[in-house]
C-alpha cells in the first residue's frame, strides 16, 4: 500500500465508532480495486463483540461466514447480539452490514481464564529464525511485515509457511492481539501449493479459529498453512500460529472457492459469488 494508505495501521482498522448499544461502525475507508479483505471485517467483528463482554473474558473460538463482497471505500456497521453470559463463558453473534445487506456474520465465544493441563502434542514447524531471512510481502494487510523461511511446498505460488509481525506497536490488550491474529489468519494462501493449471484458490467462504494461548502480534509469529482437500469447487486448508519460542497460540481452518475462470480477486459483478 502506497501513498496516504501507507500511514494507516492495524489500530486504524480496529478504530470502531460506537453509534448505539451493541452497534458499531468502522472508520477506516480507502479506495481498493479488490473486494474488502475478509480478515479486516473478521477482526473488526471480533473487536466489536469483545467490547460487550466483561474485561476478564477473552475470545477462545470463532466461526465466520463471508456472505457478500464488501467495499473498502465505505464503512461497515457491526451489530452484536448478546446470546448468553454464563459463569465462565460469554457467547456473541455479530452481523456486519454494508448498504443494508449482510456481508459477514460471526459466532464467537469468550471465556474467563481457566486452569488445567497445558499440553501440545505436535512440535512447532521447522523454520529458520526470522532475522536475516528474505522479506515476504503480506498482501492487503496494513502494518504487517513478513519473512520467508524454507518452504514445505517449494513449488507453491505463495509461501505457506512464513513469519509475520505488526510493524505498529500494539497496546497491552489481549483483545487487540486476538483481533490482530484474526486479521492475519485470513491471508488465504493455504491452497497455493495445489495445481493451478485449470483452477485456483478464490475468495474465502468460511473461517474458524481457536485461541489456545496468548501471543503478541507485534512480535514474530510463525504461520504454517497446510492444504488438505479440494472438491466440488471448494478448497479446504488448516493452519497454526506459533510464537517465536515455539508455543502454539492458535489453530484455524478455512474453506475457499477453488474454481476455473479468471482472477477470482477482481471486483465481481453484483450477481456473482461472494468475495472476501
C-alpha atoms as a PDB file:
ATOM      1  CA  UNK A   1       0.000   0.000   0.000  1.00  0.00           C
ATOM      2  CA  UNK A   2       1.420   3.310  -1.044  1.00  0.00           C
ATOM      3  CA  UNK A   3       0.624   6.983  -0.610  1.00  0.00           C
ATOM      4  CA  UNK A   4      -1.776   8.003   2.183  1.00  0.00           C
ATOM      5  CA  UNK A   5      -2.640   4.357   2.874  1.00  0.00           C
ATOM      6  CA  UNK A   6       0.932   3.710   3.984  1.00  0.00           C
ATOM      7  CA  UNK A   7       0.258   5.780   7.117  1.00  0.00           C
ATOM      8  CA  UNK A   8      -2.684   3.610   8.197  1.00  0.00           C
ATOM      9  CA  UNK A   9      -2.171   0.768  10.624  1.00  0.00           C
ATOM     10  CA  UNK A  10      -3.902  -2.169  12.226  1.00  0.00           C
ATOM     11  CA  UNK A  11      -5.019   0.175  15.013  1.00  0.00           C
ATOM     12  CA  UNK A  12      -6.898   2.208  12.403  1.00  0.00           C
ATOM     13  CA  UNK A  13      -8.610  -0.995  11.272  1.00  0.00           C
ATOM     14  CA  UNK A  14      -9.795  -1.565  14.863  1.00  0.00           C
ATOM     15  CA  UNK A  15     -10.912   2.033  15.391  1.00  0.00           C
ATOM     16  CA  UNK A  16     -14.675   1.492  15.647  1.00  0.00           C
ATOM     17  CA  UNK A  17     -17.236   4.150  16.444  1.00  0.00           C
ATOM     18  CA  UNK A  18     -19.920   3.165  18.954  1.00  0.00           C
ATOM     19  CA  UNK A  19     -23.153   4.503  17.475  1.00  0.00           C
ATOM     20  CA  UNK A  20     -25.528   2.817  19.936  1.00  0.00           C
ATOM     21  CA  UNK A  21     -25.531  -0.022  22.444  1.00  0.00           C
ATOM     22  CA  UNK A  22     -24.063  -3.088  20.704  1.00  0.00           C
ATOM     23  CA  UNK A  23     -23.854  -1.190  17.404  1.00  0.00           C
ATOM     24  CA  UNK A  24     -20.516  -0.121  15.908  1.00  0.00           C
ATOM     25  CA  UNK A  25     -19.236   1.398  12.679  1.00  0.00           C
ATOM     26  CA  UNK A  26     -15.771   1.205  11.130  1.00  0.00           C
ATOM     27  CA  UNK A  27     -13.924   4.471  10.462  1.00  0.00           C
ATOM     28  CA  UNK A  28     -11.172   3.365   8.060  1.00  0.00           C
ATOM     29  CA  UNK A  29     -12.192   3.675   4.405  1.00  0.00           C
ATOM     30  CA  UNK A  30      -9.967   3.644   1.330  1.00  0.00           C
ATOM     31  CA  UNK A  31     -10.124   3.041  -2.395  1.00  0.00           C
ATOM     32  CA  UNK A  32      -9.293  -0.542  -3.354  1.00  0.00           C
ATOM     33  CA  UNK A  33      -9.743  -2.317  -6.696  1.00  0.00           C
ATOM     34  CA  UNK A  34     -10.425  -5.564  -4.836  1.00  0.00           C
ATOM     35  CA  UNK A  35     -13.293  -6.584  -2.554  1.00  0.00           C
ATOM     36  CA  UNK A  36     -12.861  -5.870   1.149  1.00  0.00           C
ATOM     37  CA  UNK A  37     -10.247  -8.151   2.745  1.00  0.00           C
ATOM     38  CA  UNK A  38     -12.041 -10.762   4.821  1.00  0.00           C
ATOM     39  CA  UNK A  39      -9.546 -10.612   7.668  1.00  0.00           C
ATOM     40  CA  UNK A  40     -10.358  -6.932   8.145  1.00  0.00           C
ATOM     41  CA  UNK A  41     -14.093  -7.401   8.616  1.00  0.00           C
ATOM     42  CA  UNK A  42     -13.499 -10.501  10.803  1.00  0.00           C
ATOM     43  CA  UNK A  43     -11.071  -8.636  13.076  1.00  0.00           C
ATOM     44  CA  UNK A  44     -13.481  -5.708  13.355  1.00  0.00           C
ATOM     45  CA  UNK A  45     -16.391  -8.030  14.152  1.00  0.00           C
ATOM     46  CA  UNK A  46     -14.358  -9.710  16.891  1.00  0.00           C
ATOM     47  CA  UNK A  47     -13.351  -6.346  18.334  1.00  0.00           C
ATOM     48  CA  UNK A  48     -16.974  -5.178  18.379  1.00  0.00           C
ATOM     49  CA  UNK A  49     -18.050  -8.368  20.178  1.00  0.00           C
ATOM     50  CA  UNK A  50     -15.172  -8.066  22.646  1.00  0.00           C
ATOM     51  CA  UNK A  51     -16.374  -4.627  23.711  1.00  0.00           C
ATOM     52  CA  UNK A  52     -19.610  -6.163  25.030  1.00  0.00           C
ATOM     53  CA  UNK A  53     -18.163  -8.782  27.410  1.00  0.00           C
ATOM     54  CA  UNK A  54     -16.555  -8.480  30.863  1.00  0.00           C
ATOM     55  CA  UNK A  55     -12.893  -7.446  30.698  1.00  0.00           C
ATOM     56  CA  UNK A  56     -11.668 -10.752  32.161  1.00  0.00           C
ATOM     57  CA  UNK A  57     -13.151 -12.769  29.267  1.00  0.00           C
ATOM     58  CA  UNK A  58     -11.179 -13.271  26.087  1.00  0.00           C
ATOM     59  CA  UNK A  59     -12.120 -14.986  22.812  1.00  0.00           C
ATOM     60  CA  UNK A  60     -11.368 -18.693  22.651  1.00  0.00           C
ATOM     61  CA  UNK A  61     -13.114 -19.555  19.373  1.00  0.00           C
ATOM     62  CA  UNK A  62     -14.947 -18.016  16.460  1.00  0.00           C
ATOM     63  CA  UNK A  63     -16.603 -19.090  13.238  1.00  0.00           C
ATOM     64  CA  UNK A  64     -17.434 -16.649  10.464  1.00  0.00           C
ATOM     65  CA  UNK A  65     -19.161 -16.820   7.070  1.00  0.00           C
ATOM     66  CA  UNK A  66     -18.368 -14.445   4.214  1.00  0.00           C
ATOM     67  CA  UNK A  67     -21.706 -13.837   2.507  1.00  0.00           C
ATOM     68  CA  UNK A  68     -21.254 -10.910   0.128  1.00  0.00           C
ATOM     69  CA  UNK A  69     -18.460  -8.840  -1.323  1.00  0.00           C
ATOM     70  CA  UNK A  70     -17.545  -5.884   0.898  1.00  0.00           C
ATOM     71  CA  UNK A  71     -16.383  -2.464  -0.259  1.00  0.00           C
ATOM     72  CA  UNK A  72     -13.299  -0.932   1.390  1.00  0.00           C
ATOM     73  CA  UNK A  73     -14.414   2.550   0.302  1.00  0.00           C
ATOM     74  CA  UNK A  74     -17.413   2.596   2.633  1.00  0.00           C
ATOM     75  CA  UNK A  75     -17.775   1.881   6.361  1.00  0.00           C
ATOM     76  CA  UNK A  76     -19.266  -1.335   7.690  1.00  0.00           C
ATOM     77  CA  UNK A  77     -21.763  -1.474  10.540  1.00  0.00           C
ATOM     78  CA  UNK A  78     -21.455  -4.239  13.152  1.00  0.00           C
ATOM     79  CA  UNK A  79     -24.448  -5.374  15.205  1.00  0.00           C
ATOM     80  CA  UNK A  80     -23.691  -7.524  18.241  1.00  0.00           C
ATOM     81  CA  UNK A  81     -26.240  -9.901  19.807  1.00  0.00           C
ATOM     82  CA  UNK A  82     -25.569 -10.934  23.405  1.00  0.00           C
ATOM     83  CA  UNK A  83     -26.645 -14.567  23.290  1.00  0.00           C
ATOM     84  CA  UNK A  84     -25.517 -15.546  26.781  1.00  0.00           C
ATOM     85  CA  UNK A  85     -23.327 -14.554  29.713  1.00  0.00           C
ATOM     86  CA  UNK A  86     -22.686 -17.559  31.946  1.00  0.00           C
ATOM     87  CA  UNK A  87     -20.458 -18.082  34.937  1.00  0.00           C
ATOM     88  CA  UNK A  88     -17.315 -18.531  32.813  1.00  0.00           C
ATOM     89  CA  UNK A  89     -18.343 -18.117  29.164  1.00  0.00           C
ATOM     90  CA  UNK A  90     -19.969 -15.405  27.071  1.00  0.00           C
ATOM     91  CA  UNK A  91     -21.471 -16.068  23.631  1.00  0.00           C
ATOM     92  CA  UNK A  92     -21.938 -13.380  20.994  1.00  0.00           C
ATOM     93  CA  UNK A  93     -23.158 -13.165  17.418  1.00  0.00           C
ATOM     94  CA  UNK A  94     -22.057 -10.368  15.115  1.00  0.00           C
ATOM     95  CA  UNK A  95     -23.540  -9.283  11.800  1.00  0.00           C
ATOM     96  CA  UNK A  96     -21.567  -6.931   9.522  1.00  0.00           C
ATOM     97  CA  UNK A  97     -23.598  -4.836   7.096  1.00  0.00           C
ATOM     98  CA  UNK A  98     -22.955  -2.516   4.176  1.00  0.00           C
ATOM     99  CA  UNK A  99     -25.759  -0.811   2.273  1.00  0.00           C
ATOM    100  CA  UNK A 100     -28.324  -2.600   4.420  1.00  0.00           C
ATOM    101  CA  UNK A 101     -27.103  -6.060   3.366  1.00  0.00           C
ATOM    102  CA  UNK A 102     -25.218  -8.631   5.429  1.00  0.00           C
ATOM    103  CA  UNK A 103     -21.672  -9.161   4.150  1.00  0.00           C
ATOM    104  CA  UNK A 104     -20.380 -11.296   7.043  1.00  0.00           C
ATOM    105  CA  UNK A 105     -21.619 -12.990  10.187  1.00  0.00           C
ATOM    106  CA  UNK A 106     -19.720 -14.475  13.092  1.00  0.00           C
ATOM    107  CA  UNK A 107     -20.360 -16.552  16.190  1.00  0.00           C
ATOM    108  CA  UNK A 108     -17.724 -16.020  18.871  1.00  0.00           C
ATOM    109  CA  UNK A 109     -17.269 -17.399  22.368  1.00  0.00           C
ATOM    110  CA  UNK A 110     -15.347 -15.722  25.191  1.00  0.00           C
ATOM    111  CA  UNK A 111     -14.092 -17.345  28.382  1.00  0.00           C
ATOM    112  CA  UNK A 112     -12.590 -16.334  31.689  1.00  0.00           C
ATOM    113  CA  UNK A 113      -9.080 -17.639  32.334  1.00  0.00           C
ATOM    114  CA  UNK A 114      -9.108 -21.345  33.151  1.00  0.00           C
ATOM    115  CA  UNK A 115      -6.728 -23.816  34.751  1.00  0.00           C
ATOM    116  CA  UNK A 116      -5.758 -27.376  33.868  1.00  0.00           C
ATOM    117  CA  UNK A 117      -3.252 -29.358  31.792  1.00  0.00           C
ATOM    118  CA  UNK A 118      -1.181 -27.460  29.221  1.00  0.00           C
ATOM    119  CA  UNK A 119      -0.054 -29.862  26.501  1.00  0.00           C
ATOM    120  CA  UNK A 120       0.799 -29.500  22.819  1.00  0.00           C
ATOM    121  CA  UNK A 121       1.136 -32.838  21.005  1.00  0.00           C
ATOM    122  CA  UNK A 122       2.984 -31.655  17.895  1.00  0.00           C
ATOM    123  CA  UNK A 123       6.146 -29.519  17.916  1.00  0.00           C
ATOM    124  CA  UNK A 124       6.277 -26.203  16.123  1.00  0.00           C
ATOM    125  CA  UNK A 125       7.009 -26.412  12.368  1.00  0.00           C
ATOM    126  CA  UNK A 126      10.674 -26.401  11.452  1.00  0.00           C
ATOM    127  CA  UNK A 127      11.640 -22.880  10.358  1.00  0.00           C
ATOM    128  CA  UNK A 128      14.786 -20.761  10.446  1.00  0.00           C
ATOM    129  CA  UNK A 129      14.619 -17.739  12.793  1.00  0.00           C
ATOM    130  CA  UNK A 130      13.187 -14.661  11.069  1.00  0.00           C
ATOM    131  CA  UNK A 131      16.244 -12.405  11.408  1.00  0.00           C
ATOM    132  CA  UNK A 132      18.167 -12.402   8.143  1.00  0.00           C
ATOM    133  CA  UNK A 133      15.516 -14.229   6.115  1.00  0.00           C
ATOM    134  CA  UNK A 134      14.172 -12.828   2.821  1.00  0.00           C
ATOM    135  CA  UNK A 135      11.283 -10.429   3.115  1.00  0.00           C
ATOM    136  CA  UNK A 136       7.837 -11.804   2.327  1.00  0.00           C
ATOM    137  CA  UNK A 137       5.083  -9.436   1.268  1.00  0.00           C
ATOM    138  CA  UNK A 138       1.800  -9.947   3.127  1.00  0.00           C
ATOM    139  CA  UNK A 139      -0.729  -8.722   0.568  1.00  0.00           C
ATOM    140  CA  UNK A 140      -3.542  -6.403   1.645  1.00  0.00           C
ATOM    141  CA  UNK A 141      -2.509  -6.193   5.312  1.00  0.00           C
ATOM    142  CA  UNK A 142      -1.887  -2.845   6.983  1.00  0.00           C
ATOM    143  CA  UNK A 143       1.329  -2.503   9.026  1.00  0.00           C
ATOM    144  CA  UNK A 144       2.450  -6.136   8.826  1.00  0.00           C
ATOM    145  CA  UNK A 145       5.799  -7.455   7.632  1.00  0.00           C
ATOM    146  CA  UNK A 146       6.829 -10.984   6.771  1.00  0.00           C
ATOM    147  CA  UNK A 147       9.864 -13.216   6.413  1.00  0.00           C
ATOM    148  CA  UNK A 148      10.137 -16.369   4.307  1.00  0.00           C
ATOM    149  CA  UNK A 149      11.856 -19.478   5.738  1.00  0.00           C
ATOM    150  CA  UNK A 150      12.405 -22.723   3.814  1.00  0.00           C
ATOM    151  CA  UNK A 151       9.154 -23.972   2.339  1.00  0.00           C
ATOM    152  CA  UNK A 152       7.430 -27.348   2.768  1.00  0.00           C
ATOM    153  CA  UNK A 153       5.950 -26.900  -0.743  1.00  0.00           C
ATOM    154  CA  UNK A 154       8.707 -25.262  -2.823  1.00  0.00           C
ATOM    155  CA  UNK A 155       6.529 -25.087  -5.947  1.00  0.00           C
ATOM    156  CA  UNK A 156       3.700 -23.156  -4.272  1.00  0.00           C
ATOM    157  CA  UNK A 157       2.673 -19.867  -5.843  1.00  0.00           C
ATOM    158  CA  UNK A 158       2.788 -18.204  -2.392  1.00  0.00           C
ATOM    159  CA  UNK A 159       4.686 -19.247   0.734  1.00  0.00           C
ATOM    160  CA  UNK A 160       2.589 -21.436   3.003  1.00  0.00           C
ATOM    161  CA  UNK A 161       4.999 -21.052   5.946  1.00  0.00           C
ATOM    162  CA  UNK A 162       6.134 -17.592   6.962  1.00  0.00           C
ATOM    163  CA  UNK A 163       6.963 -15.311   9.856  1.00  0.00           C
ATOM    164  CA  UNK A 164       4.829 -12.227  10.430  1.00  0.00           C
ATOM    165  CA  UNK A 165       4.513  -9.349  12.867  1.00  0.00           C
ATOM    166  CA  UNK A 166       2.821  -5.984  13.177  1.00  0.00           C
ATOM    167  CA  UNK A 167       5.170  -3.102  12.467  1.00  0.00           C
ATOM    168  CA  UNK A 168       2.932  -0.888  14.612  1.00  0.00           C
ATOM    169  CA  UNK A 169       3.449  -1.377  18.372  1.00  0.00           C
ATOM    170  CA  UNK A 170       0.250  -2.745  19.872  1.00  0.00           C
ATOM    171  CA  UNK A 171      -1.132  -1.983  23.344  1.00  0.00           C
ATOM    172  CA  UNK A 172      -1.031  -4.489  26.193  1.00  0.00           C
ATOM    173  CA  UNK A 173      -4.616  -5.509  25.482  1.00  0.00           C
ATOM    174  CA  UNK A 174      -5.147  -9.234  24.808  1.00  0.00           C
ATOM    175  CA  UNK A 175      -8.281  -8.477  22.785  1.00  0.00           C
ATOM    176  CA  UNK A 176      -6.292  -6.286  20.384  1.00  0.00           C
ATOM    177  CA  UNK A 177      -3.754  -9.081  19.857  1.00  0.00           C
ATOM    178  CA  UNK A 178      -6.543 -11.626  19.318  1.00  0.00           C
ATOM    179  CA  UNK A 179      -8.024  -9.308  16.684  1.00  0.00           C
ATOM    180  CA  UNK A 180      -4.599  -8.875  15.077  1.00  0.00           C
ATOM    181  CA  UNK A 181      -4.246 -12.658  14.939  1.00  0.00           C
ATOM    182  CA  UNK A 182      -7.684 -12.920  13.310  1.00  0.00           C
ATOM    183  CA  UNK A 183      -6.709 -10.223  10.804  1.00  0.00           C
ATOM    184  CA  UNK A 184      -3.609 -12.185   9.837  1.00  0.00           C
ATOM    185  CA  UNK A 185      -5.231 -15.631   9.799  1.00  0.00           C
ATOM    186  CA  UNK A 186      -7.424 -14.938   6.749  1.00  0.00           C
ATOM    187  CA  UNK A 187      -4.420 -14.274   4.499  1.00  0.00           C
ATOM    188  CA  UNK A 188      -5.662 -17.159   2.370  1.00  0.00           C
ATOM    189  CA  UNK A 189      -2.546 -18.632   0.744  1.00  0.00           C
ATOM    190  CA  UNK A 190      -3.043 -22.118   2.195  1.00  0.00           C
ATOM    191  CA  UNK A 191      -4.120 -23.663  -1.103  1.00  0.00           C
ATOM    192  CA  UNK A 192      -1.384 -22.093  -3.215  1.00  0.00           C
ATOM    193  CA  UNK A 193       0.568 -25.365  -3.235  1.00  0.00           C
ATOM    194  CA  UNK A 194      -2.164 -27.116  -5.227  1.00  0.00           C
ATOM    195  CA  UNK A 195      -2.089 -27.309  -9.055  1.00  0.00           C
ATOM    196  CA  UNK A 196      -3.181 -24.066 -10.718  1.00  0.00           C
ATOM    197  CA  UNK A 197      -3.334 -25.128 -14.368  1.00  0.00           C
ATOM    198  CA  UNK A 198      -7.124 -25.076 -14.619  1.00  0.00           C
ATOM    199  CA  UNK A 199      -8.333 -23.797 -11.239  1.00  0.00           C
ATOM    200  CA  UNK A 200      -7.009 -21.604  -8.466  1.00  0.00           C
ATOM    201  CA  UNK A 201      -7.920 -20.507  -4.943  1.00  0.00           C
ATOM    202  CA  UNK A 202     -10.531 -17.790  -4.774  1.00  0.00           C
ATOM    203  CA  UNK A 203     -12.371 -15.879  -2.075  1.00  0.00           C
ATOM    204  CA  UNK A 204     -12.953 -17.091   1.469  1.00  0.00           C
ATOM    205  CA  UNK A 205     -16.240 -18.824   2.202  1.00  0.00           C
ATOM    206  CA  UNK A 206     -15.916 -19.510   5.914  1.00  0.00           C
ATOM    207  CA  UNK A 207     -13.249 -19.343   8.577  1.00  0.00           C
ATOM    208  CA  UNK A 208     -12.922 -20.882  12.050  1.00  0.00           C
ATOM    209  CA  UNK A 209     -10.288 -20.013  14.642  1.00  0.00           C
ATOM    210  CA  UNK A 210      -9.354 -21.295  18.098  1.00  0.00           C
ATOM    211  CA  UNK A 211      -7.205 -19.290  20.504  1.00  0.00           C
ATOM    212  CA  UNK A 212      -5.147 -21.626  22.692  1.00  0.00           C
ATOM    213  CA  UNK A 213      -2.548 -19.405  24.368  1.00  0.00           C
ATOM    214  CA  UNK A 214      -1.628 -15.706  24.381  1.00  0.00           C
ATOM    215  CA  UNK A 215       0.596 -14.276  21.640  1.00  0.00           C
ATOM    216  CA  UNK A 216       1.822 -10.771  20.937  1.00  0.00           C
ATOM    217  CA  UNK A 217       1.308  -9.939  17.273  1.00  0.00           C
ATOM    218  CA  UNK A 218       3.852  -7.094  17.341  1.00  0.00           C
ATOM    219  CA  UNK A 219       6.456  -9.811  17.876  1.00  0.00           C
ATOM    220  CA  UNK A 220       7.364 -12.518  15.367  1.00  0.00           C
ATOM    221  CA  UNK A 221       4.868 -15.364  14.973  1.00  0.00           C
ATOM    222  CA  UNK A 222       5.111 -18.332  12.620  1.00  0.00           C
ATOM    223  CA  UNK A 223       2.198 -19.084  10.292  1.00  0.00           C
ATOM    224  CA  UNK A 224       2.002 -22.592   8.834  1.00  0.00           C
ATOM    225  CA  UNK A 225      -0.739 -23.394   6.314  1.00  0.00           C
ATOM    226  CA  UNK A 226      -1.426 -26.946   5.104  1.00  0.00           C
ATOM    227  CA  UNK A 227      -3.623 -27.694   2.071  1.00  0.00           C
ATOM    228  CA  UNK A 228      -5.965 -30.590   2.794  1.00  0.00           C
ATOM    229  CA  UNK A 229      -8.508 -31.172   0.045  1.00  0.00           C
ATOM    230  CA  UNK A 230     -10.327 -29.727  -2.957  1.00  0.00           C
ATOM    231  CA  UNK A 231     -13.751 -30.962  -4.058  1.00  0.00           C
ATOM    232  CA  UNK A 232     -16.946 -29.584  -5.597  1.00  0.00           C
ATOM    233  CA  UNK A 233     -15.312 -26.268  -6.414  1.00  0.00           C
ATOM    234  CA  UNK A 234     -14.177 -25.663  -2.822  1.00  0.00           C
ATOM    235  CA  UNK A 235     -10.758 -25.965  -1.201  1.00  0.00           C
ATOM    236  CA  UNK A 236     -10.061 -26.518   2.499  1.00  0.00           C
ATOM    237  CA  UNK A 237      -6.863 -25.997   4.472  1.00  0.00           C
ATOM    238  CA  UNK A 238      -5.734 -25.891   8.078  1.00  0.00           C
ATOM    239  CA  UNK A 239      -3.273 -23.615   9.797  1.00  0.00           C
ATOM    240  CA  UNK A 240      -1.408 -22.958  13.008  1.00  0.00           C
ATOM    241  CA  UNK A 241       0.217 -19.914  14.543  1.00  0.00           C
ATOM    242  CA  UNK A 242       3.197 -20.359  16.893  1.00  0.00           C
ATOM    243  CA  UNK A 243       5.154 -17.791  18.850  1.00  0.00           C
ATOM    244  CA  UNK A 244       8.872 -17.394  18.178  1.00  0.00           C
ATOM    245  CA  UNK A 245       9.668 -19.666  21.139  1.00  0.00           C
ATOM    246  CA  UNK A 246       7.532 -22.479  19.721  1.00  0.00           C
ATOM    247  CA  UNK A 247       4.299 -22.063  21.697  1.00  0.00           C
ATOM    248  CA  UNK A 248       1.105 -22.995  19.824  1.00  0.00           C
ATOM    249  CA  UNK A 249      -1.049 -19.874  20.134  1.00  0.00           C
ATOM    250  CA  UNK A 250      -3.875 -20.600  17.691  1.00  0.00           C
ATOM    251  CA  UNK A 251      -5.272 -23.065  15.155  1.00  0.00           C
ATOM    252  CA  UNK A 252      -7.612 -22.296  12.283  1.00  0.00           C
ATOM    253  CA  UNK A 253      -9.332 -23.775   9.244  1.00  0.00           C
ATOM    254  CA  UNK A 254     -10.611 -22.087   6.122  1.00  0.00           C
ATOM    255  CA  UNK A 255     -12.650 -23.019   3.080  1.00  0.00           C
ATOM    256  CA  UNK A 256     -12.395 -21.060  -0.152  1.00  0.00           C
ATOM    257  CA  UNK A 257     -13.761 -21.223  -3.655  1.00  0.00           C
ATOM    258  CA  UNK A 258     -11.474 -23.231  -5.953  1.00  0.00           C
ATOM    259  CA  UNK A 259     -12.804 -22.951  -9.471  1.00  0.00           C
ATOM    260  CA  UNK A 260     -11.771 -22.446 -13.051  1.00  0.00           C
ATOM    261  CA  UNK A 261     -12.014 -18.986 -14.561  1.00  0.00           C
ATOM    262  CA  UNK A 262     -10.369 -15.556 -14.411  1.00  0.00           C
ATOM    263  CA  UNK A 263      -8.643 -13.981 -11.436  1.00  0.00           C
ATOM    264  CA  UNK A 264     -11.108 -14.505  -8.563  1.00  0.00           C
ATOM    265  CA  UNK A 265      -9.826 -11.471  -6.668  1.00  0.00           C
ATOM    266  CA  UNK A 266     -11.085  -8.899  -9.178  1.00  0.00           C
ATOM    267  CA  UNK A 267     -14.146  -6.896  -8.145  1.00  0.00           C
ATOM    268  CA  UNK A 268     -17.202  -9.013  -9.027  1.00  0.00           C
ATOM    269  CA  UNK A 269     -20.491  -8.069 -10.583  1.00  0.00           C
ATOM    270  CA  UNK A 270     -23.402  -7.927  -8.164  1.00  0.00           C
ATOM    271  CA  UNK A 271     -24.735 -11.262  -9.423  1.00  0.00           C
ATOM    272  CA  UNK A 272     -21.516 -13.181  -8.798  1.00  0.00           C
ATOM    273  CA  UNK A 273     -20.309 -15.240  -5.853  1.00  0.00           C
ATOM    274  CA  UNK A 274     -19.481 -13.550  -2.521  1.00  0.00           C
ATOM    275  CA  UNK A 275     -15.894 -12.410  -2.114  1.00  0.00           C
ATOM    276  CA  UNK A 276     -13.978 -11.638   0.997  1.00  0.00           C
END
